[in-house]
N, C-alpha and C. Protein backbone atom coordinates (compact mmCIF):
# COMPACT_ATOMS: atom_id res chain seq x y z
N MET A 1 -49.96 -156.00 56.67
CA MET A 1 -49.95 -156.46 57.86
C MET A 1 -49.63 -157.87 58.53
N HIS A 2 -49.88 -159.00 57.53
CA HIS A 2 -49.77 -160.27 57.91
C HIS A 2 -48.14 -160.38 57.71
N LYS A 3 -47.50 -160.09 56.58
CA LYS A 3 -46.34 -160.41 56.32
C LYS A 3 -45.64 -159.87 57.47
N TYR A 4 -45.41 -158.43 58.09
CA TYR A 4 -44.68 -158.29 59.28
C TYR A 4 -45.39 -158.32 60.44
N LYS A 5 -46.71 -159.02 60.63
CA LYS A 5 -47.18 -159.23 61.94
C LYS A 5 -47.46 -158.00 62.50
N ILE A 6 -48.21 -157.01 61.90
CA ILE A 6 -48.37 -155.67 62.54
C ILE A 6 -49.57 -156.00 63.41
N ASP A 7 -49.63 -155.78 64.64
CA ASP A 7 -50.50 -155.96 65.75
C ASP A 7 -51.76 -155.12 65.46
N VAL A 8 -52.83 -155.96 65.33
CA VAL A 8 -54.00 -155.48 65.03
C VAL A 8 -54.59 -154.39 66.21
N GLU A 9 -54.18 -154.47 67.20
CA GLU A 9 -54.09 -153.54 68.21
C GLU A 9 -53.99 -152.16 67.90
N LEU A 10 -52.74 -151.93 67.04
CA LEU A 10 -52.09 -150.66 66.55
C LEU A 10 -52.99 -150.18 65.88
N ILE A 11 -53.38 -150.74 64.80
CA ILE A 11 -54.36 -150.40 63.81
C ILE A 11 -55.52 -150.09 64.62
N SER A 12 -56.10 -150.52 65.50
CA SER A 12 -57.38 -150.28 66.11
C SER A 12 -57.09 -148.83 66.76
N GLN A 13 -55.94 -148.62 67.41
CA GLN A 13 -55.74 -147.58 68.35
C GLN A 13 -55.56 -146.29 67.21
N PHE A 14 -55.13 -146.38 66.04
CA PHE A 14 -54.74 -145.57 65.03
C PHE A 14 -56.17 -145.13 64.71
N LEU A 15 -57.11 -145.97 64.27
CA LEU A 15 -58.59 -145.58 63.86
C LEU A 15 -59.40 -145.01 64.97
N HIS A 16 -59.09 -145.35 66.42
CA HIS A 16 -59.88 -144.78 67.15
C HIS A 16 -59.51 -143.17 67.29
N SER A 17 -58.11 -142.86 67.22
CA SER A 17 -57.65 -141.69 67.10
C SER A 17 -58.21 -140.87 65.82
N MET A 18 -58.37 -141.35 64.87
CA MET A 18 -58.85 -140.75 63.59
C MET A 18 -60.37 -140.55 63.75
N GLU A 19 -61.13 -141.17 64.65
CA GLU A 19 -62.57 -141.10 64.87
C GLU A 19 -62.58 -140.03 65.81
N MET A 20 -61.74 -139.58 66.85
CA MET A 20 -61.54 -138.46 67.54
C MET A 20 -61.65 -137.32 66.83
N ASP A 21 -61.03 -137.31 65.76
CA ASP A 21 -61.05 -135.97 64.78
C ASP A 21 -62.33 -135.72 64.15
N LEU A 22 -63.36 -136.72 64.43
CA LEU A 22 -64.79 -136.52 63.59
C LEU A 22 -65.54 -135.46 64.52
N ASN A 23 -65.17 -135.61 65.88
CA ASN A 23 -66.00 -134.60 66.94
C ASN A 23 -64.95 -133.55 67.36
N LYS A 24 -65.55 -132.53 67.69
CA LYS A 24 -64.95 -131.48 68.50
C LYS A 24 -64.52 -131.89 70.01
N VAL A 25 -63.23 -132.26 70.02
CA VAL A 25 -62.89 -132.65 71.66
C VAL A 25 -62.03 -131.73 72.24
N ASP A 26 -62.35 -131.37 73.56
CA ASP A 26 -61.58 -130.39 74.42
C ASP A 26 -60.72 -131.25 75.09
N TYR A 27 -59.40 -131.50 74.55
CA TYR A 27 -58.27 -132.30 74.98
C TYR A 27 -57.76 -131.79 76.64
N ASN A 28 -57.92 -132.93 77.45
CA ASN A 28 -57.14 -132.82 78.70
C ASN A 28 -55.75 -133.67 78.51
N SER A 29 -55.17 -133.83 79.66
CA SER A 29 -53.88 -134.46 79.42
C SER A 29 -54.18 -136.06 79.04
N GLU A 30 -55.23 -136.59 79.59
CA GLU A 30 -55.56 -137.80 79.06
C GLU A 30 -55.71 -138.29 77.79
N SER A 31 -56.52 -137.45 77.32
CA SER A 31 -57.17 -137.64 75.81
C SER A 31 -55.99 -137.16 74.95
N TYR A 32 -55.12 -136.05 75.21
CA TYR A 32 -54.06 -135.91 74.47
C TYR A 32 -53.22 -136.80 74.23
N LYS A 33 -52.70 -137.52 75.47
CA LYS A 33 -51.84 -138.68 75.30
C LYS A 33 -52.41 -139.89 74.36
N GLU A 34 -53.69 -140.03 74.62
CA GLU A 34 -54.47 -140.97 73.70
C GLU A 34 -54.47 -140.71 72.21
N TYR A 35 -54.87 -139.34 72.26
CA TYR A 35 -54.73 -139.10 70.76
C TYR A 35 -53.50 -139.29 69.93
N ILE A 36 -52.34 -138.79 70.61
CA ILE A 36 -51.09 -138.91 70.08
C ILE A 36 -50.33 -140.13 69.84
N TYR A 37 -50.90 -141.22 70.97
CA TYR A 37 -50.46 -142.39 70.91
C TYR A 37 -51.11 -143.21 69.67
N GLY A 38 -52.56 -142.87 69.49
CA GLY A 38 -53.19 -143.70 68.22
C GLY A 38 -52.93 -142.71 66.90
N SER A 39 -52.42 -141.75 67.19
CA SER A 39 -52.32 -140.88 65.70
C SER A 39 -50.95 -140.86 65.26
N ALA A 40 -49.97 -140.92 66.18
CA ALA A 40 -48.46 -140.96 65.81
C ALA A 40 -47.83 -141.88 66.29
N GLU A 41 -47.79 -142.12 67.58
CA GLU A 41 -46.78 -143.32 68.18
C GLU A 41 -47.14 -144.50 67.46
N VAL A 42 -48.35 -144.90 67.18
CA VAL A 42 -48.63 -146.43 66.78
C VAL A 42 -48.08 -146.48 65.36
N VAL A 43 -48.15 -145.30 64.62
CA VAL A 43 -47.57 -145.24 63.24
C VAL A 43 -46.23 -145.39 63.19
N GLY A 44 -45.38 -144.94 64.33
CA GLY A 44 -44.20 -145.22 64.41
C GLY A 44 -43.78 -146.82 64.87
N LEU A 45 -44.58 -147.57 65.65
CA LEU A 45 -44.60 -148.57 65.94
C LEU A 45 -44.87 -149.68 64.79
N MET A 46 -45.76 -149.10 63.78
CA MET A 46 -45.83 -150.11 62.84
C MET A 46 -44.99 -150.11 61.94
N CYS A 47 -44.24 -148.78 61.67
CA CYS A 47 -43.25 -148.72 60.72
C CYS A 47 -42.19 -149.72 61.25
N LEU A 48 -42.06 -149.46 62.68
CA LEU A 48 -40.73 -150.33 63.28
C LEU A 48 -40.86 -151.59 63.00
N GLN A 49 -41.99 -152.23 63.12
CA GLN A 49 -42.34 -153.60 62.98
C GLN A 49 -41.82 -153.87 61.53
N VAL A 50 -42.23 -153.24 60.47
CA VAL A 50 -41.55 -153.49 59.09
C VAL A 50 -40.15 -153.38 59.17
N PHE A 51 -39.67 -152.38 59.79
CA PHE A 51 -38.05 -152.13 59.70
C PHE A 51 -37.19 -153.32 60.25
N THR A 52 -37.87 -153.92 61.54
CA THR A 52 -37.13 -154.78 62.07
C THR A 52 -37.46 -156.13 61.77
N GLU A 53 -38.10 -156.17 60.78
CA GLU A 53 -38.43 -157.64 59.72
C GLU A 53 -38.78 -158.85 60.86
N GLY A 54 -39.78 -158.71 61.89
CA GLY A 54 -39.96 -159.60 62.91
C GLY A 54 -39.04 -159.98 63.93
N ASP A 55 -37.92 -159.12 64.14
CA ASP A 55 -36.93 -159.37 65.33
C ASP A 55 -37.75 -158.69 66.32
N ARG A 56 -38.32 -159.41 67.26
CA ARG A 56 -39.08 -158.89 68.39
C ARG A 56 -38.07 -158.41 69.51
N LYS A 57 -36.79 -158.71 69.51
CA LYS A 57 -35.98 -158.19 70.43
C LYS A 57 -35.63 -156.84 70.25
N GLN A 58 -35.12 -156.65 68.74
CA GLN A 58 -34.79 -155.31 68.37
C GLN A 58 -36.18 -154.28 68.44
N TYR A 59 -37.43 -154.94 68.04
CA TYR A 59 -38.56 -154.21 68.05
C TYR A 59 -38.63 -153.46 69.46
N GLU A 60 -38.72 -154.23 70.41
CA GLU A 60 -38.79 -154.05 72.07
C GLU A 60 -37.99 -153.17 72.35
N GLU A 61 -36.65 -153.24 71.87
CA GLU A 61 -35.35 -152.09 72.11
C GLU A 61 -35.75 -150.91 71.55
N LEU A 62 -36.28 -150.71 70.20
CA LEU A 62 -36.42 -149.51 69.54
C LEU A 62 -37.83 -148.79 69.84
N LYS A 63 -38.77 -149.63 70.45
CA LYS A 63 -40.14 -149.24 70.62
C LYS A 63 -40.22 -147.89 71.23
N PRO A 64 -39.53 -147.46 72.35
CA PRO A 64 -39.57 -146.04 72.97
C PRO A 64 -39.12 -145.21 72.02
N PHE A 65 -38.19 -145.38 71.24
CA PHE A 65 -37.67 -144.26 70.56
C PHE A 65 -38.53 -143.99 69.26
N ALA A 66 -39.27 -144.91 68.71
CA ALA A 66 -40.03 -144.97 67.61
C ALA A 66 -41.47 -144.08 68.26
N MET A 67 -41.72 -144.53 69.39
CA MET A 67 -42.89 -143.59 69.96
C MET A 67 -42.63 -142.05 70.23
N LYS A 68 -41.25 -141.84 70.53
CA LYS A 68 -40.96 -140.33 71.05
C LYS A 68 -40.83 -139.69 69.41
N LEU A 69 -40.24 -140.24 68.49
CA LEU A 69 -40.40 -139.75 67.26
C LEU A 69 -41.65 -139.46 66.61
N GLY A 70 -42.50 -140.31 66.78
CA GLY A 70 -43.86 -140.01 66.27
C GLY A 70 -44.78 -138.96 67.04
N SER A 71 -44.64 -139.07 68.11
CA SER A 71 -45.07 -138.05 69.05
C SER A 71 -44.59 -136.65 68.70
N ALA A 72 -43.21 -136.62 68.71
CA ALA A 72 -42.51 -135.07 68.16
C ALA A 72 -43.07 -134.90 66.91
N PHE A 73 -43.12 -135.52 65.88
CA PHE A 73 -43.85 -135.25 64.54
C PHE A 73 -45.11 -134.58 64.52
N GLN A 74 -45.93 -135.32 65.54
CA GLN A 74 -47.23 -134.82 65.49
C GLN A 74 -47.59 -133.62 66.27
N LYS A 75 -46.66 -133.50 67.47
CA LYS A 75 -46.61 -132.12 67.88
C LYS A 75 -46.44 -131.10 66.99
N ILE A 76 -45.10 -131.23 66.55
CA ILE A 76 -44.62 -130.28 65.11
C ILE A 76 -45.92 -129.88 64.35
N ASN A 77 -46.63 -131.02 63.84
CA ASN A 77 -47.79 -130.69 62.92
C ASN A 77 -49.02 -129.90 63.81
N PHE A 78 -49.00 -130.19 65.00
CA PHE A 78 -50.05 -129.23 65.72
C PHE A 78 -49.81 -128.00 65.84
N LEU A 79 -48.14 -127.64 66.05
CA LEU A 79 -48.07 -126.36 66.07
C LEU A 79 -48.04 -125.73 64.61
N ARG A 80 -47.76 -126.39 63.70
CA ARG A 80 -47.66 -125.96 62.07
C ARG A 80 -49.29 -125.71 61.90
N ASP A 81 -50.01 -126.52 62.37
CA ASP A 81 -51.38 -126.41 61.62
C ASP A 81 -52.36 -125.52 62.69
N LEU A 82 -51.88 -124.87 63.80
CA LEU A 82 -52.54 -124.35 64.84
C LEU A 82 -53.70 -123.25 64.54
N LYS A 83 -53.00 -122.60 63.31
CA LYS A 83 -54.21 -121.61 62.73
C LYS A 83 -55.29 -122.29 62.26
N GLN A 84 -55.10 -123.11 61.55
CA GLN A 84 -56.22 -123.75 60.57
C GLN A 84 -57.12 -124.65 61.69
N ASP A 85 -56.30 -125.51 62.65
CA ASP A 85 -57.10 -126.30 63.42
C ASP A 85 -57.97 -125.38 64.57
N TYR A 86 -57.54 -124.36 64.80
CA TYR A 86 -58.30 -123.45 65.87
C TYR A 86 -59.30 -122.87 65.01
N HIS A 87 -58.82 -121.90 64.05
CA HIS A 87 -59.91 -120.78 63.35
C HIS A 87 -60.96 -121.51 62.28
N MET A 88 -60.38 -122.45 61.65
CA MET A 88 -61.23 -123.25 60.83
C MET A 88 -61.96 -124.60 61.46
N LEU A 89 -61.36 -125.30 62.22
CA LEU A 89 -62.04 -126.48 62.71
C LEU A 89 -62.65 -126.42 64.24
N GLY A 90 -62.04 -125.24 64.62
CA GLY A 90 -62.69 -125.06 66.05
C GLY A 90 -62.04 -126.09 67.21
N ARG A 91 -60.65 -126.38 67.15
CA ARG A 91 -60.08 -127.34 67.76
C ARG A 91 -58.66 -127.02 68.26
N THR A 92 -58.28 -127.51 69.30
CA THR A 92 -56.58 -127.30 69.36
C THR A 92 -56.44 -128.68 70.11
N TYR A 93 -55.31 -129.28 69.84
CA TYR A 93 -55.14 -130.52 70.62
C TYR A 93 -54.14 -130.30 71.80
N PHE A 94 -53.66 -129.36 72.12
CA PHE A 94 -52.93 -129.28 73.31
C PHE A 94 -53.71 -129.07 74.55
N PRO A 95 -53.33 -129.90 75.45
CA PRO A 95 -54.36 -129.97 76.52
C PRO A 95 -54.58 -128.72 77.42
N ASN A 96 -55.77 -128.22 77.71
CA ASN A 96 -56.30 -127.28 78.85
C ASN A 96 -55.35 -125.98 78.01
N LEU A 97 -55.22 -125.76 76.54
CA LEU A 97 -54.97 -124.62 76.13
C LEU A 97 -56.05 -123.66 75.90
N ASP A 98 -55.81 -122.54 76.38
CA ASP A 98 -56.92 -121.58 76.12
C ASP A 98 -56.24 -120.75 74.86
N MET A 99 -56.68 -120.63 73.66
CA MET A 99 -56.34 -120.04 72.69
C MET A 99 -56.08 -118.50 72.64
N THR A 100 -56.96 -118.15 73.55
CA THR A 100 -57.04 -116.77 73.46
C THR A 100 -55.76 -116.07 74.51
N VAL A 101 -55.17 -117.12 75.23
CA VAL A 101 -53.94 -116.67 75.84
C VAL A 101 -52.61 -117.53 75.41
N PHE A 102 -52.79 -117.88 74.27
CA PHE A 102 -51.53 -118.65 73.58
C PHE A 102 -50.42 -117.54 73.55
N ASP A 103 -49.39 -117.65 74.12
CA ASP A 103 -48.49 -116.78 74.03
C ASP A 103 -46.88 -117.36 73.77
N ASN A 104 -45.92 -116.67 73.87
CA ASN A 104 -44.44 -117.12 73.59
C ASN A 104 -44.25 -118.29 74.78
N THR A 105 -44.63 -117.86 76.01
CA THR A 105 -44.19 -118.72 77.25
C THR A 105 -44.82 -120.33 77.12
N ILE A 106 -46.18 -120.24 76.69
CA ILE A 106 -46.86 -121.52 76.41
C ILE A 106 -45.99 -122.27 75.29
N LYS A 107 -45.84 -121.32 74.00
CA LYS A 107 -45.40 -122.03 72.88
C LYS A 107 -43.92 -122.69 73.25
N SER A 108 -43.04 -121.78 74.06
CA SER A 108 -41.88 -122.42 74.54
C SER A 108 -42.10 -123.71 75.27
N GLN A 109 -42.94 -123.69 76.16
CA GLN A 109 -43.06 -124.95 76.96
C GLN A 109 -43.31 -126.38 75.88
N ILE A 110 -44.27 -125.89 75.14
CA ILE A 110 -44.21 -127.13 73.98
C ILE A 110 -43.16 -127.56 73.38
N GLU A 111 -42.47 -126.34 72.76
CA GLU A 111 -41.18 -126.72 72.14
C GLU A 111 -40.22 -127.44 73.01
N ASN A 112 -40.13 -127.17 74.31
CA ASN A 112 -39.35 -127.83 75.01
C ASN A 112 -39.49 -129.20 75.08
N GLU A 113 -40.71 -129.67 75.36
CA GLU A 113 -41.19 -130.96 75.13
C GLU A 113 -40.75 -131.76 73.98
N ILE A 114 -40.98 -131.17 72.78
CA ILE A 114 -40.69 -131.69 71.43
C ILE A 114 -39.06 -131.71 71.61
N HIS A 115 -38.31 -130.67 71.88
CA HIS A 115 -37.05 -130.81 71.68
C HIS A 115 -36.37 -131.98 72.69
N THR A 116 -37.16 -132.43 73.66
CA THR A 116 -36.54 -133.71 74.48
C THR A 116 -36.92 -134.72 73.68
N GLU A 117 -37.97 -135.08 73.05
CA GLU A 117 -38.58 -136.19 72.30
C GLU A 117 -37.43 -136.28 71.17
N PHE A 118 -37.18 -135.37 70.29
CA PHE A 118 -36.41 -135.22 69.45
C PHE A 118 -35.06 -136.02 69.71
N ARG A 119 -34.42 -135.29 70.87
CA ARG A 119 -33.04 -135.71 71.29
C ARG A 119 -33.12 -137.26 71.56
N GLU A 120 -34.33 -137.80 72.32
CA GLU A 120 -34.50 -139.24 72.67
C GLU A 120 -34.35 -139.95 71.30
N ALA A 121 -35.38 -139.53 70.24
CA ALA A 121 -35.64 -140.24 68.98
C ALA A 121 -34.45 -140.61 68.30
N LEU A 122 -33.55 -139.78 68.47
CA LEU A 122 -32.23 -139.85 67.46
C LEU A 122 -31.34 -140.84 67.92
N LEU A 123 -31.50 -141.17 69.40
CA LEU A 123 -30.70 -142.56 69.73
C LEU A 123 -30.89 -143.79 69.20
N GLY A 124 -32.41 -143.69 68.90
CA GLY A 124 -33.06 -145.03 68.52
C GLY A 124 -32.77 -145.07 66.82
N ILE A 125 -32.88 -143.88 66.31
CA ILE A 125 -32.65 -143.80 64.92
C ILE A 125 -31.20 -144.54 64.58
N LYS A 126 -30.22 -143.88 65.44
CA LYS A 126 -28.87 -144.60 65.43
C LYS A 126 -28.74 -146.15 65.42
N LYS A 127 -29.69 -146.62 65.91
CA LYS A 127 -29.78 -148.08 66.47
C LYS A 127 -30.76 -148.73 65.22
N LEU A 128 -31.14 -148.23 64.29
CA LEU A 128 -32.30 -148.91 63.33
C LEU A 128 -31.39 -149.74 62.19
N PRO A 129 -31.83 -150.83 61.78
CA PRO A 129 -31.30 -151.69 60.88
C PRO A 129 -31.06 -150.62 59.65
N ALA A 130 -29.88 -151.03 58.91
CA ALA A 130 -29.36 -150.04 57.79
C ALA A 130 -30.37 -149.67 56.49
N SER A 131 -31.20 -150.90 56.54
CA SER A 131 -32.11 -150.67 55.32
C SER A 131 -33.13 -149.48 55.72
N ALA A 132 -33.21 -149.21 56.95
CA ALA A 132 -34.53 -148.05 57.39
C ALA A 132 -33.72 -146.85 57.87
N LYS A 133 -32.47 -146.88 58.25
CA LYS A 133 -32.17 -145.78 59.03
C LYS A 133 -32.01 -144.35 57.94
N PHE A 134 -31.52 -144.36 57.02
CA PHE A 134 -31.44 -143.10 56.16
C PHE A 134 -33.09 -142.70 55.79
N GLY A 135 -34.13 -143.45 55.65
CA GLY A 135 -35.37 -142.98 55.47
C GLY A 135 -35.85 -142.32 56.56
N VAL A 136 -35.75 -142.98 57.88
CA VAL A 136 -36.03 -142.37 59.08
C VAL A 136 -35.13 -141.06 59.33
N TYR A 137 -34.14 -141.10 59.15
CA TYR A 137 -33.28 -140.20 59.48
C TYR A 137 -33.64 -138.87 58.50
N LEU A 138 -33.75 -139.02 57.37
CA LEU A 138 -34.31 -137.90 56.49
C LEU A 138 -35.63 -137.38 56.97
N ALA A 139 -36.63 -138.03 57.40
CA ALA A 139 -38.05 -137.61 57.89
C ALA A 139 -37.48 -136.92 59.24
N TYR A 140 -36.66 -137.37 59.92
CA TYR A 140 -36.24 -136.49 61.27
C TYR A 140 -35.83 -135.26 60.73
N LYS A 141 -34.89 -135.27 59.94
CA LYS A 141 -34.24 -134.23 59.64
C LYS A 141 -35.00 -133.05 58.93
N TYR A 142 -35.88 -133.69 58.11
CA TYR A 142 -36.97 -132.43 57.56
C TYR A 142 -37.67 -132.09 58.75
N TYR A 143 -38.44 -132.84 59.64
CA TYR A 143 -38.87 -132.10 60.70
C TYR A 143 -38.40 -131.32 61.66
N LEU A 144 -37.16 -131.42 62.03
CA LEU A 144 -36.22 -130.88 62.82
C LEU A 144 -35.98 -129.63 62.25
N SER A 145 -35.77 -129.54 60.92
CA SER A 145 -35.72 -128.05 60.13
C SER A 145 -36.87 -127.26 60.20
N LEU A 146 -38.11 -128.06 60.11
CA LEU A 146 -39.56 -127.44 60.19
C LEU A 146 -39.71 -126.83 61.67
N PHE A 147 -39.13 -127.84 62.65
CA PHE A 147 -39.32 -127.43 64.15
C PHE A 147 -38.44 -126.18 64.39
N ALA A 148 -36.88 -126.06 63.79
CA ALA A 148 -36.42 -124.94 63.83
C ALA A 148 -37.01 -123.73 63.28
N LYS A 149 -37.78 -123.65 62.27
CA LYS A 149 -38.33 -122.50 61.65
C LYS A 149 -39.54 -122.16 62.44
N ILE A 150 -40.14 -123.16 62.97
CA ILE A 150 -41.14 -122.88 63.96
C ILE A 150 -40.64 -122.18 65.40
N ARG A 151 -39.74 -122.43 65.77
CA ARG A 151 -39.02 -121.92 67.08
C ARG A 151 -38.88 -120.45 66.82
N LYS A 152 -38.40 -120.16 65.47
CA LYS A 152 -38.07 -118.72 65.12
C LYS A 152 -39.19 -117.96 65.38
N LYS A 153 -40.30 -118.39 65.10
CA LYS A 153 -41.46 -117.53 64.80
C LYS A 153 -42.36 -117.48 66.36
N SER A 154 -42.89 -116.16 66.46
CA SER A 154 -43.56 -115.75 67.79
C SER A 154 -44.93 -116.47 67.71
N SER A 155 -45.39 -116.55 68.84
CA SER A 155 -46.85 -117.25 69.10
C SER A 155 -47.95 -116.59 67.92
N LYS A 156 -47.67 -115.27 67.93
CA LYS A 156 -48.62 -114.61 67.24
C LYS A 156 -48.49 -114.85 65.70
N GLU A 157 -47.26 -114.95 65.36
CA GLU A 157 -47.01 -115.60 63.71
C GLU A 157 -47.60 -116.98 63.66
N ILE A 158 -47.53 -117.95 64.58
CA ILE A 158 -47.86 -119.23 64.38
C ILE A 158 -49.29 -119.56 64.22
N LEU A 159 -50.26 -118.32 64.99
CA LEU A 159 -51.60 -118.39 64.90
C LEU A 159 -52.00 -117.67 63.64
N GLU A 160 -51.14 -116.93 63.04
CA GLU A 160 -51.46 -115.97 61.76
C GLU A 160 -50.99 -116.92 60.47
N HIS A 161 -49.97 -117.72 60.34
CA HIS A 161 -49.60 -118.31 59.24
C HIS A 161 -49.00 -119.69 59.64
N ARG A 162 -49.36 -120.43 58.55
CA ARG A 162 -49.02 -122.00 58.41
C ARG A 162 -47.50 -121.97 58.04
N ILE A 163 -46.73 -122.62 59.06
CA ILE A 163 -45.10 -122.49 58.60
C ILE A 163 -45.03 -123.50 57.95
N ARG A 164 -44.06 -123.36 56.45
CA ARG A 164 -43.76 -124.25 55.60
C ARG A 164 -42.15 -124.25 55.60
N ILE A 165 -41.61 -125.17 54.85
CA ILE A 165 -40.38 -125.40 54.35
C ILE A 165 -40.53 -125.46 52.76
N PRO A 166 -39.77 -124.39 52.18
CA PRO A 166 -39.69 -124.24 50.85
C PRO A 166 -39.17 -125.68 50.20
N ASN A 167 -39.51 -126.12 49.08
CA ASN A 167 -38.96 -127.12 48.36
C ASN A 167 -37.43 -127.11 48.17
N THR A 168 -36.98 -125.78 47.69
CA THR A 168 -35.62 -126.00 47.77
C THR A 168 -34.76 -126.15 49.00
N HIS A 169 -35.30 -125.75 50.27
CA HIS A 169 -34.74 -126.07 51.70
C HIS A 169 -34.86 -127.68 51.53
N LYS A 170 -35.99 -128.11 51.44
CA LYS A 170 -36.34 -129.60 51.40
C LYS A 170 -35.21 -130.41 50.78
N ALA A 171 -35.10 -129.97 49.63
CA ALA A 171 -33.79 -130.63 48.79
C ALA A 171 -32.50 -130.31 49.60
N LEU A 172 -32.07 -129.44 50.03
CA LEU A 172 -30.97 -129.22 50.59
C LEU A 172 -30.90 -130.10 51.84
N VAL A 173 -31.92 -130.26 52.74
CA VAL A 173 -31.88 -131.29 53.61
C VAL A 173 -31.79 -132.70 53.40
N ALA A 174 -32.46 -132.79 52.22
CA ALA A 174 -32.20 -134.21 51.76
C ALA A 174 -30.82 -134.43 51.48
N LEU A 175 -30.26 -133.59 50.95
CA LEU A 175 -28.77 -133.65 50.29
C LEU A 175 -27.81 -134.02 51.80
N LYS A 176 -27.94 -132.79 52.52
CA LYS A 176 -27.37 -133.24 53.78
C LYS A 176 -27.42 -134.24 54.43
N SER A 177 -28.57 -134.60 54.49
CA SER A 177 -29.05 -135.84 55.29
C SER A 177 -28.21 -137.25 54.61
N TYR A 178 -28.23 -137.07 53.43
CA TYR A 178 -27.62 -138.19 52.56
C TYR A 178 -26.23 -138.03 52.72
N LEU A 179 -25.51 -137.11 52.66
CA LEU A 179 -24.03 -136.90 52.92
C LEU A 179 -23.83 -137.45 54.24
N ARG A 180 -24.37 -136.93 55.38
CA ARG A 180 -24.02 -137.40 56.83
C ARG A 180 -24.15 -139.06 56.86
N TYR A 181 -25.38 -139.54 56.11
CA TYR A 181 -25.49 -141.03 56.21
C TYR A 181 -24.36 -141.59 55.55
N LYS A 182 -24.03 -141.06 54.46
CA LYS A 182 -22.98 -142.02 53.67
C LYS A 182 -21.69 -141.94 54.22
N ILE A 183 -21.38 -140.76 55.08
CA ILE A 183 -20.13 -140.73 55.62
C ILE A 183 -20.20 -141.40 57.08
N ALA A 184 -21.14 -141.99 57.39
CA ALA A 184 -21.54 -142.71 58.64
C ALA A 184 -21.30 -141.74 59.85
N TYR A 185 -21.90 -140.49 59.54
CA TYR A 185 -21.83 -139.63 60.76
C TYR A 185 -23.06 -139.65 61.59
N LEU A 186 -24.00 -140.41 61.20
CA LEU A 186 -25.26 -140.72 61.89
C LEU A 186 -24.98 -141.77 62.81
């Protein structure tokens, strides 16, 4: 934290979102944004402070992209874990979502938001320092493959099964990502 001058406020926001998980919260638009900021976007920002090694100009330039990537990752986790979060923990993170009417239209709206965030985040990944670019790109490609699998499932399937990527597919994603990175296609 001290070496990379990670802002204490980012850590506080993260801990605040984790505290939100201790209680059942009915998320509205404001609390949803607050939760995603603290649980995912600040993680991206903390990583970015490490990746940019104290270069404030580069950090500020890449900040919105890191936040979009963190947000997209978190929303995919929400979709992936919808069954467990709702049935076992009695919560849903998506604002004003009545799980009794969760259907393909609602699922598609959420997916469109994630798709936009992914597209924007990739622009920032391309601008990352070389030392961080591959690792972030690999995480991006893994989540993108999970997202593609989720998109192929119906809302009913999402509520019945946790969507996973098999280890063999993860290995293939890693190999393809590495090759794209090495040939500078990224």
